[in-house]
């Protein structure tokens, strides 16, 4: 799933390419497209796209009178639509502008979770503070209020917004913190290390995304441990390990993060099998 850096860079590209264009038509292409009906999408017609912003993992298309919130979920993309075909495989919604250009929201797969909200406050309700803006004292306070593993905390959008599985892995590695460390035991020093790691990882990923003309795929994104099971850690040379769950994988370096301890939880690390 795209995270903060990919979405921020994409928002900037969309603003550069379509900012100022007047919306002439908006068409939901799937019965699952619209997550809210009020205010009506037609309120945005004949208004220019002021900018595309971001809140957490949502893109915010600001048309003055109305702002669309768009969540791409796992397989969604918001991209140029030069053909504007009547039937589009995976098509969710289309925005057509006064210069006859269009943006198309699509989603690969069969989950049909990507969607559009006409009320961004409803869409983003419950999100925690932006990951790239939080301070160490603020994070330490949240750690004290939410007792859980730090890897889970970083992925929980209600705790901190914008990070996902990849950055949770990378941030823990950069901070030299076990992904299974308890948030309530990290304290101010641990919070400071996590905040510094978030800033570094986000900045590096954002710099990479800004070199691209489109959003990267997961395999292309920079990182030291994510999806690198068995490969040498670029910091110490130890083999990157994993703890695999049905929906995601936690990657880490034992030497850098756990004092050499190999983690196991419910399922055993594939590396040890």
C-alpha atoms as a PDB file:
ATOM      1  CA  UNK A   1       0.000   0.000   0.000  1.00  0.00           C
ATOM      2  CA  UNK A   2       1.379   3.457  -0.836  1.00  0.00           C
ATOM      3  CA  UNK A   3       2.593   5.318   2.228  1.00  0.00           C
ATOM      4  CA  UNK A   4       3.298   8.942   3.099  1.00  0.00           C
ATOM      5  CA  UNK A   5       6.275   9.520   0.743  1.00  0.00           C
ATOM      6  CA  UNK A   6       4.633   7.945  -2.305  1.00  0.00           C
ATOM      7  CA  UNK A   7       1.356   9.795  -1.749  1.00  0.00           C
ATOM      8  CA  UNK A   8       3.002  13.141  -1.000  1.00  0.00           C
ATOM      9  CA  UNK A   9       5.119  13.013  -4.166  1.00  0.00           C
ATOM     10  CA  UNK A  10       2.086  11.902  -6.187  1.00  0.00           C
ATOM     11  CA  UNK A  11       0.017  14.760  -4.796  1.00  0.00           C
ATOM     12  CA  UNK A  12       2.727  17.167  -5.914  1.00  0.00           C
ATOM     13  CA  UNK A  13       2.811  15.648  -9.415  1.00  0.00           C
ATOM     14  CA  UNK A  14      -0.973  15.862  -9.733  1.00  0.00           C
ATOM     15  CA  UNK A  15      -1.004  19.481  -8.579  1.00  0.00           C
ATOM     16  CA  UNK A  16       1.678  20.358 -11.113  1.00  0.00           C
ATOM     17  CA  UNK A  17      -0.102  18.559 -13.949  1.00  0.00           C
ATOM     18  CA  UNK A  18      -3.746  19.441 -13.259  1.00  0.00           C
ATOM     19  CA  UNK A  19      -3.711  22.412 -10.897  1.00  0.00           C
ATOM     20  CA  UNK A  20      -5.920  25.207 -12.240  1.00  0.00           C
ATOM     21  CA  UNK A  21      -7.891  22.943 -14.573  1.00  0.00           C
ATOM     22  CA  UNK A  22     -11.654  23.288 -14.230  1.00  0.00           C
ATOM     23  CA  UNK A  23     -13.687  20.178 -13.464  1.00  0.00           C
ATOM     24  CA  UNK A  24     -16.384  19.556 -16.059  1.00  0.00           C
ATOM     25  CA  UNK A  25     -17.493  16.048 -15.193  1.00  0.00           C
ATOM     26  CA  UNK A  26     -17.152  13.532 -12.389  1.00  0.00           C
ATOM     27  CA  UNK A  27     -18.264   9.948 -12.957  1.00  0.00           C
ATOM     28  CA  UNK A  28     -18.272   7.054 -10.486  1.00  0.00           C
ATOM     29  CA  UNK A  29     -17.460   3.920 -12.502  1.00  0.00           C
ATOM     30  CA  UNK A  30     -18.205   1.389  -9.773  1.00  0.00           C
ATOM     31  CA  UNK A  31     -21.063   1.002  -7.336  1.00  0.00           C
ATOM     32  CA  UNK A  32     -18.430   0.810  -4.567  1.00  0.00           C
ATOM     33  CA  UNK A  33     -16.766   4.076  -5.598  1.00  0.00           C
ATOM     34  CA  UNK A  34     -18.592   6.590  -3.434  1.00  0.00           C
ATOM     35  CA  UNK A  35     -18.210   6.319   0.315  1.00  0.00           C
ATOM     36  CA  UNK A  36     -20.283   9.442   1.031  1.00  0.00           C
ATOM     37  CA  UNK A  37     -23.161  11.094  -0.831  1.00  0.00           C
ATOM     38  CA  UNK A  38     -23.260  14.430   1.015  1.00  0.00           C
ATOM     39  CA  UNK A  39     -22.234  16.954  -0.099  1.00  0.00           C
ATOM     40  CA  UNK A  40     -22.994  15.887  -3.685  1.00  0.00           C
ATOM     41  CA  UNK A  41     -20.029  15.515  -6.030  1.00  0.00           C
ATOM     42  CA  UNK A  42     -21.689  17.905  -8.519  1.00  0.00           C
ATOM     43  CA  UNK A  43     -20.820  20.781  -6.161  1.00  0.00           C
ATOM     44  CA  UNK A  44     -17.258  20.562  -7.481  1.00  0.00           C
ATOM     45  CA  UNK A  45     -18.262  21.040 -11.140  1.00  0.00           C
ATOM     46  CA  UNK A  46     -17.068  24.225 -12.859  1.00  0.00           C
ATOM     47  CA  UNK A  47     -14.497  24.822 -10.148  1.00  0.00           C
ATOM     48  CA  UNK A  48     -10.718  24.671 -10.655  1.00  0.00           C
ATOM     49  CA  UNK A  49      -8.482  22.146  -8.986  1.00  0.00           C
ATOM     50  CA  UNK A  50      -6.664  24.313  -6.457  1.00  0.00           C
ATOM     51  CA  UNK A  51      -4.256  21.608  -5.378  1.00  0.00           C
ATOM     52  CA  UNK A  52      -3.944  17.965  -4.444  1.00  0.00           C
ATOM     53  CA  UNK A  53      -3.048  17.626  -0.795  1.00  0.00           C
ATOM     54  CA  UNK A  54      -2.594  14.705   1.550  1.00  0.00           C
ATOM     55  CA  UNK A  55      -3.756  13.646   5.007  1.00  0.00           C
ATOM     56  CA  UNK A  56      -2.339  10.361   6.218  1.00  0.00           C
ATOM     57  CA  UNK A  57      -2.795   7.935   3.327  1.00  0.00           C
ATOM     58  CA  UNK A  58      -5.584   9.977   1.699  1.00  0.00           C
ATOM     59  CA  UNK A  59      -5.182  12.201  -1.362  1.00  0.00           C
ATOM     60  CA  UNK A  60      -7.251  15.397  -1.098  1.00  0.00           C
ATOM     61  CA  UNK A  61      -8.444  16.934  -4.389  1.00  0.00           C
ATOM     62  CA  UNK A  62      -9.391  20.518  -3.521  1.00  0.00           C
ATOM     63  CA  UNK A  63     -11.908  22.084  -5.924  1.00  0.00           C
ATOM     64  CA  UNK A  64     -12.704  25.142  -3.777  1.00  0.00           C
ATOM     65  CA  UNK A  65     -16.384  24.326  -3.273  1.00  0.00           C
ATOM     66  CA  UNK A  66     -15.697  20.665  -2.485  1.00  0.00           C
ATOM     67  CA  UNK A  67     -12.735  18.480  -1.646  1.00  0.00           C
ATOM     68  CA  UNK A  68     -12.637  14.837  -2.713  1.00  0.00           C
ATOM     69  CA  UNK A  69     -10.777  12.472  -0.401  1.00  0.00           C
ATOM     70  CA  UNK A  70      -9.360   9.463  -2.229  1.00  0.00           C
ATOM     71  CA  UNK A  71      -7.906   6.338  -0.634  1.00  0.00           C
ATOM     72  CA  UNK A  72      -5.960   4.053  -2.950  1.00  0.00           C
ATOM     73  CA  UNK A  73      -5.858   1.105  -0.524  1.00  0.00           C
ATOM     74  CA  UNK A  74      -3.574  -1.745  -1.656  1.00  0.00           C
ATOM     75  CA  UNK A  75      -4.037  -1.784  -5.426  1.00  0.00           C
ATOM     76  CA  UNK A  76      -5.422   1.642  -6.291  1.00  0.00           C
ATOM     77  CA  UNK A  77      -3.897   4.263  -8.572  1.00  0.00           C
ATOM     78  CA  UNK A  78      -4.976   7.780  -9.543  1.00  0.00           C
ATOM     79  CA  UNK A  79      -3.464   8.428 -12.955  1.00  0.00           C
ATOM     80  CA  UNK A  80      -3.932  10.210 -16.304  1.00  0.00           C
ATOM     81  CA  UNK A  81      -6.692   8.785 -18.472  1.00  0.00           C
ATOM     82  CA  UNK A  82      -5.980   9.732 -22.106  1.00  0.00           C
ATOM     83  CA  UNK A  83      -8.369   7.163 -23.629  1.00  0.00           C
ATOM     84  CA  UNK A  84     -11.374   7.843 -21.366  1.00  0.00           C
ATOM     85  CA  UNK A  85     -12.916   4.516 -22.367  1.00  0.00           C
ATOM     86  CA  UNK A  86     -16.524   3.834 -21.426  1.00  0.00           C
ATOM     87  CA  UNK A  87     -15.561   0.570 -19.734  1.00  0.00           C
ATOM     88  CA  UNK A  88     -12.364   0.362 -17.734  1.00  0.00           C
ATOM     89  CA  UNK A  89     -11.150  -2.746 -15.988  1.00  0.00           C
ATOM     90  CA  UNK A  90     -10.839  -1.899 -12.335  1.00  0.00           C
ATOM     91  CA  UNK A  91     -12.255   1.578 -12.913  1.00  0.00           C
ATOM     92  CA  UNK A  92     -13.497   3.332  -9.775  1.00  0.00           C
ATOM     93  CA  UNK A  93     -14.058   6.982 -10.750  1.00  0.00           C
ATOM     94  CA  UNK A  94     -13.110   9.579 -13.366  1.00  0.00           C
ATOM     95  CA  UNK A  95     -12.565  13.345 -13.219  1.00  0.00           C
ATOM     96  CA  UNK A  96     -12.763  15.151 -16.605  1.00  0.00           C
ATOM     97  CA  UNK A  97     -11.433  18.697 -16.998  1.00  0.00           C
ATOM     98  CA  UNK A  98     -12.060  21.649 -19.280  1.00  0.00           C
ATOM     99  CA  UNK A  99      -8.995  20.897 -21.408  1.00  0.00           C
ATOM    100  CA  UNK A 100     -10.438  17.388 -22.055  1.00  0.00           C
ATOM    101  CA  UNK A 101      -7.796  15.727 -19.905  1.00  0.00           C
ATOM    102  CA  UNK A 102      -8.923  13.316 -17.213  1.00  0.00           C
ATOM    103  CA  UNK A 103      -7.811  11.549 -14.074  1.00  0.00           C
ATOM    104  CA  UNK A 104      -8.845   7.948 -13.500  1.00  0.00           C
ATOM    105  CA  UNK A 105      -9.006   6.091 -10.210  1.00  0.00           C
ATOM    106  CA  UNK A 106      -8.483   2.366 -10.679  1.00  0.00           C
ATOM    107  CA  UNK A 107      -7.975  -0.583  -8.373  1.00  0.00           C
ATOM    108  CA  UNK A 108      -6.351  -3.895  -9.227  1.00  0.00           C
ATOM    109  CA  UNK A 109      -7.721  -7.090  -7.737  1.00  0.00           C
ATOM    110  CA  UNK A 110     -11.133  -7.997  -6.403  1.00  0.00           C
ATOM    111  CA  UNK A 111     -11.237  -6.383  -2.968  1.00  0.00           C
ATOM    112  CA  UNK A 112     -12.893  -3.126  -4.159  1.00  0.00           C
ATOM    113  CA  UNK A 113     -11.727  -1.129  -1.154  1.00  0.00           C
ATOM    114  CA  UNK A 114     -10.411   2.008  -2.881  1.00  0.00           C
ATOM    115  CA  UNK A 115     -12.914   4.812  -2.888  1.00  0.00           C
ATOM    116  CA  UNK A 116     -13.920   8.461  -2.938  1.00  0.00           C
ATOM    117  CA  UNK A 117     -15.385  10.630  -0.179  1.00  0.00           C
ATOM    118  CA  UNK A 118     -16.987  14.030  -0.772  1.00  0.00           C
ATOM    119  CA  UNK A 119     -16.534  14.889   2.903  1.00  0.00           C
ATOM    120  CA  UNK A 120     -12.853  14.681   3.821  1.00  0.00           C
ATOM    121  CA  UNK A 121     -13.598  15.169   7.505  1.00  0.00           C
ATOM    122  CA  UNK A 122     -15.545  11.905   7.524  1.00  0.00           C
ATOM    123  CA  UNK A 123     -12.835  10.144   5.534  1.00  0.00           C
ATOM    124  CA  UNK A 124      -9.994  11.243   7.805  1.00  0.00           C
ATOM    125  CA  UNK A 125     -11.821  11.141  11.136  1.00  0.00           C
ATOM    126  CA  UNK A 126      -9.836   9.303  13.760  1.00  0.00           C
ATOM    127  CA  UNK A 127      -6.425   9.707  12.145  1.00  0.00           C
ATOM    128  CA  UNK A 128      -3.498  10.348  14.445  1.00  0.00           C
ATOM    129  CA  UNK A 129      -0.942  13.113  13.932  1.00  0.00           C
ATOM    130  CA  UNK A 130       1.078  13.170  10.736  1.00  0.00           C
ATOM    131  CA  UNK A 131       4.096  10.894  11.069  1.00  0.00           C
ATOM    132  CA  UNK A 132       6.510  13.385   9.516  1.00  0.00           C
ATOM    133  CA  UNK A 133       5.397  16.222  11.792  1.00  0.00           C
ATOM    134  CA  UNK A 134       5.202  14.592  15.212  1.00  0.00           C
ATOM    135  CA  UNK A 135       7.741  15.627  17.866  1.00  0.00           C
ATOM    136  CA  UNK A 136       9.564  13.352  20.278  1.00  0.00           C
ATOM    137  CA  UNK A 137       7.609  14.584  23.352  1.00  0.00           C
ATOM    138  CA  UNK A 138       4.322  14.095  21.480  1.00  0.00           C
ATOM    139  CA  UNK A 139       5.317  10.587  20.454  1.00  0.00           C
ATOM    140  CA  UNK A 140       6.483   9.702  23.964  1.00  0.00           C
ATOM    141  CA  UNK A 141       3.076  10.765  25.268  1.00  0.00           C
ATOM    142  CA  UNK A 142       1.297   8.597  22.677  1.00  0.00           C
ATOM    143  CA  UNK A 143       3.563   5.666  23.515  1.00  0.00           C
ATOM    144  CA  UNK A 144       2.459   5.973  27.134  1.00  0.00           C
ATOM    145  CA  UNK A 145      -1.214   6.043  26.116  1.00  0.00           C
ATOM    146  CA  UNK A 146      -1.085   3.071  23.718  1.00  0.00           C
ATOM    147  CA  UNK A 147       0.519  -0.079  25.062  1.00  0.00           C
ATOM    148  CA  UNK A 148       1.420  -2.304  22.105  1.00  0.00           C
ATOM    149  CA  UNK A 149       4.358  -3.436  20.022  1.00  0.00           C
ATOM    150  CA  UNK A 150       6.043  -0.492  18.346  1.00  0.00           C
ATOM    151  CA  UNK A 151       5.712  -2.049  14.886  1.00  0.00           C
ATOM    152  CA  UNK A 152       1.936  -2.263  15.328  1.00  0.00           C
ATOM    153  CA  UNK A 153       1.822   1.292  16.686  1.00  0.00           C
ATOM    154  CA  UNK A 154       3.614   2.664  13.628  1.00  0.00           C
ATOM    155  CA  UNK A 155       1.112   0.938  11.309  1.00  0.00           C
ATOM    156  CA  UNK A 156      -1.954   2.061  13.279  1.00  0.00           C
ATOM    157  CA  UNK A 157      -3.377   5.123  11.504  1.00  0.00           C
ATOM    158  CA  UNK A 158      -5.266   6.082  14.647  1.00  0.00           C
ATOM    159  CA  UNK A 159      -1.968   6.392  16.516  1.00  0.00           C
ATOM    160  CA  UNK A 160       0.159   8.014  13.835  1.00  0.00           C
ATOM    161  CA  UNK A 161      -0.868   8.703  10.244  1.00  0.00           C
ATOM    162  CA  UNK A 162       0.961   7.968   7.016  1.00  0.00           C
ATOM    163  CA  UNK A 163       3.182   4.977   7.713  1.00  0.00           C
ATOM    164  CA  UNK A 164       2.605   1.369   6.707  1.00  0.00           C
ATOM    165  CA  UNK A 165       4.337  -1.992   6.715  1.00  0.00           C
ATOM    166  CA  UNK A 166       7.431  -0.981   4.762  1.00  0.00           C
ATOM    167  CA  UNK A 167       8.198   2.143   6.738  1.00  0.00           C
ATOM    168  CA  UNK A 168       7.407   0.422  10.036  1.00  0.00           C
ATOM    169  CA  UNK A 169      10.122  -2.109   9.196  1.00  0.00           C
ATOM    170  CA  UNK A 170      12.558   0.555   8.025  1.00  0.00           C
ATOM    171  CA  UNK A 171      11.936   2.939  10.924  1.00  0.00           C
ATOM    172  CA  UNK A 172      12.481   0.241  13.542  1.00  0.00           C
ATOM    173  CA  UNK A 173      15.704  -0.791  11.831  1.00  0.00           C
ATOM    174  CA  UNK A 174      16.955   2.783  11.494  1.00  0.00           C
ATOM    175  CA  UNK A 175      16.160   3.469  15.158  1.00  0.00           C
ATOM    176  CA  UNK A 176      17.839   0.189  16.218  1.00  0.00           C
ATOM    177  CA  UNK A 177      14.665  -0.822  18.029  1.00  0.00           C
ATOM    178  CA  UNK A 178      13.106  -4.283  18.087  1.00  0.00           C
ATOM    179  CA  UNK A 179       9.808  -4.318  16.174  1.00  0.00           C
ATOM    180  CA  UNK A 180       8.383  -6.202  19.152  1.00  0.00           C
ATOM    181  CA  UNK A 181       9.482  -3.592  21.721  1.00  0.00           C
ATOM    182  CA  UNK A 182       6.646  -2.355  23.924  1.00  0.00           C
ATOM    183  CA  UNK A 183       5.748   1.287  23.372  1.00  0.00           C
ATOM    184  CA  UNK A 184       5.324   1.851  27.111  1.00  0.00           C
ATOM    185  CA  UNK A 185       8.918   0.802  27.745  1.00  0.00           C
ATOM    186  CA  UNK A 186      10.593   2.946  25.078  1.00  0.00           C
ATOM    187  CA  UNK A 187      10.401   6.192  27.044  1.00  0.00           C
ATOM    188  CA  UNK A 188      11.576   9.594  25.845  1.00  0.00           C
ATOM    189  CA  UNK A 189      14.879   8.265  24.513  1.00  0.00           C
ATOM    190  CA  UNK A 190      13.125   5.610  22.440  1.00  0.00           C
ATOM    191  CA  UNK A 191      10.578   8.114  21.164  1.00  0.00           C
ATOM    192  CA  UNK A 192      13.368  10.467  20.090  1.00  0.00           C
ATOM    193  CA  UNK A 193      15.089   7.638  18.212  1.00  0.00           C
ATOM    194  CA  UNK A 194      11.846   6.690  16.453  1.00  0.00           C
ATOM    195  CA  UNK A 195      11.081  10.302  15.459  1.00  0.00           C
ATOM    196  CA  UNK A 196      14.577  10.750  14.029  1.00  0.00           C
ATOM    197  CA  UNK A 197      14.235   7.482  12.114  1.00  0.00           C
ATOM    198  CA  UNK A 198      10.823   8.479  10.747  1.00  0.00           C
ATOM    199  CA  UNK A 199      12.195  11.782   9.455  1.00  0.00           C
ATOM    200  CA  UNK A 200      15.196  10.119   7.812  1.00  0.00           C
ATOM    201  CA  UNK A 201      13.251   7.279   6.210  1.00  0.00           C
ATOM    202  CA  UNK A 202      10.462   9.559   4.967  1.00  0.00           C
ATOM    203  CA  UNK A 203      12.926  12.114   3.588  1.00  0.00           C
ATOM    204  CA  UNK A 204      14.904   9.440   1.728  1.00  0.00           C
ATOM    205  CA  UNK A 205      11.789   7.843   0.268  1.00  0.00           C
ATOM    206  CA  UNK A 206      10.289  11.199  -0.680  1.00  0.00           C
ATOM    207  CA  UNK A 207      13.507  12.247  -2.419  1.00  0.00           C
ATOM    208  CA  UNK A 208      13.383   9.027  -4.440  1.00  0.00           C
ATOM    209  CA  UNK A 209       9.691   9.427  -5.336  1.00  0.00           C
ATOM    210  CA  UNK A 210      10.274  12.973  -6.537  1.00  0.00           C
ATOM    211  CA  UNK A 211      12.672  11.662  -9.177  1.00  0.00           C
ATOM    212  CA  UNK A 212       9.872   9.622 -10.766  1.00  0.00           C
ATOM    213  CA  UNK A 213       7.113  10.499 -13.196  1.00  0.00           C
ATOM    214  CA  UNK A 214       4.695   8.048 -11.593  1.00  0.00           C
ATOM    215  CA  UNK A 215       4.213   6.277  -8.289  1.00  0.00           C
ATOM    216  CA  UNK A 216       6.723   3.538  -7.574  1.00  0.00           C
ATOM    217  CA  UNK A 217       5.860  -0.095  -7.009  1.00  0.00           C
ATOM    218  CA  UNK A 218       6.634  -1.680  -3.662  1.00  0.00           C
ATOM    219  CA  UNK A 219       9.653  -3.563  -5.026  1.00  0.00           C
ATOM    220  CA  UNK A 220      11.265  -0.335  -6.265  1.00  0.00           C
ATOM    221  CA  UNK A 221      11.129   1.576  -2.989  1.00  0.00           C
ATOM    222  CA  UNK A 222      14.383   2.101  -1.085  1.00  0.00           C
ATOM    223  CA  UNK A 223      15.041   0.249   2.132  1.00  0.00           C
ATOM    224  CA  UNK A 224      17.448  -1.768   4.234  1.00  0.00           C
ATOM    225  CA  UNK A 225      15.290  -4.626   5.534  1.00  0.00           C
ATOM    226  CA  UNK A 226      11.778  -4.593   4.077  1.00  0.00           C
ATOM    227  CA  UNK A 227      11.239  -7.638   1.831  1.00  0.00           C
ATOM    228  CA  UNK A 228      14.952  -8.440   2.097  1.00  0.00           C
ATOM    229  CA  UNK A 229      14.813 -11.677   4.083  1.00  0.00           C
ATOM    230  CA  UNK A 230      18.130 -13.524   3.960  1.00  0.00           C
ATOM    231  CA  UNK A 231      20.033 -10.620   2.450  1.00  0.00           C
ATOM    232  CA  UNK A 232      22.879  -8.970   4.375  1.00  0.00           C
ATOM    233  CA  UNK A 233      21.969  -5.976   6.510  1.00  0.00           C
ATOM    234  CA  UNK A 234      23.637  -2.937   4.889  1.00  0.00           C
ATOM    235  CA  UNK A 235      24.702  -1.694   8.324  1.00  0.00           C
ATOM    236  CA  UNK A 236      26.244  -4.773   9.984  1.00  0.00           C
ATOM    237  CA  UNK A 237      26.151  -7.594   7.428  1.00  0.00           C
ATOM    238  CA  UNK A 238      23.970  -9.935   9.485  1.00  0.00           C
ATOM    239  CA  UNK A 239      21.205 -11.715   7.597  1.00  0.00           C
ATOM    240  CA  UNK A 240      17.856  -9.904   7.566  1.00  0.00           C
ATOM    241  CA  UNK A 241      15.208 -12.062   9.252  1.00  0.00           C
ATOM    242  CA  UNK A 242      11.440 -12.122   9.126  1.00  0.00           C
ATOM    243  CA  UNK A 243       8.420 -13.032  11.185  1.00  0.00           C
ATOM    244  CA  UNK A 244       5.655 -13.895   8.749  1.00  0.00           C
ATOM    245  CA  UNK A 245       1.942 -13.393   9.348  1.00  0.00           C
ATOM    246  CA  UNK A 246      -0.947 -14.114   6.995  1.00  0.00           C
ATOM    247  CA  UNK A 247      -1.357 -10.464   5.991  1.00  0.00           C
ATOM    248  CA  UNK A 248       2.131  -9.002   6.366  1.00  0.00           C
ATOM    249  CA  UNK A 249       5.757  -9.662   7.253  1.00  0.00           C
ATOM    250  CA  UNK A 250       7.947  -8.054   9.887  1.00  0.00           C
ATOM    251  CA  UNK A 251      11.553  -7.720   8.717  1.00  0.00           C
ATOM    252  CA  UNK A 252      14.422  -6.890  11.060  1.00  0.00           C
ATOM    253  CA  UNK A 253      18.143  -7.319  11.692  1.00  0.00           C
ATOM    254  CA  UNK A 254      18.973  -9.281  14.869  1.00  0.00           C
ATOM    255  CA  UNK A 255      22.374  -7.635  15.342  1.00  0.00           C
ATOM    256  CA  UNK A 256      21.111  -4.077  14.886  1.00  0.00           C
ATOM    257  CA  UNK A 257      17.774  -4.406  16.649  1.00  0.00           C
ATOM    258  CA  UNK A 258      17.424  -7.332  19.052  1.00  0.00           C
ATOM    259  CA  UNK A 259      20.876  -7.962  20.493  1.00  0.00           C
ATOM    260  CA  UNK A 260      21.226 -11.007  18.251  1.00  0.00           C
ATOM    261  CA  UNK A 261      17.942 -12.577  19.332  1.00  0.00           C
ATOM    262  CA  UNK A 262      15.858 -14.211  16.612  1.00  0.00           C
ATOM    263  CA  UNK A 263      12.186 -13.350  17.006  1.00  0.00           C
ATOM    264  CA  UNK A 264       9.274 -15.729  16.625  1.00  0.00           C
ATOM    265  CA  UNK A 265       5.582 -15.102  17.184  1.00  0.00           C
ATOM    266  CA  UNK A 266       2.784 -17.578  16.335  1.00  0.00           C
ATOM    267  CA  UNK A 267       4.630 -18.512  13.159  1.00  0.00           C
ATOM    268  CA  UNK A 268       8.331 -19.232  13.045  1.00  0.00           C
ATOM    269  CA  UNK A 269      10.612 -17.094  10.957  1.00  0.00           C
ATOM    270  CA  UNK A 270      10.817 -18.555   7.467  1.00  0.00           C
ATOM    271  CA  UNK A 271      14.547 -18.003   7.619  1.00  0.00           C
ATOM    272  CA  UNK A 272      14.819 -20.628  10.358  1.00  0.00           C
ATOM    273  CA  UNK A 273      12.720 -23.279   8.631  1.00  0.00           C
END
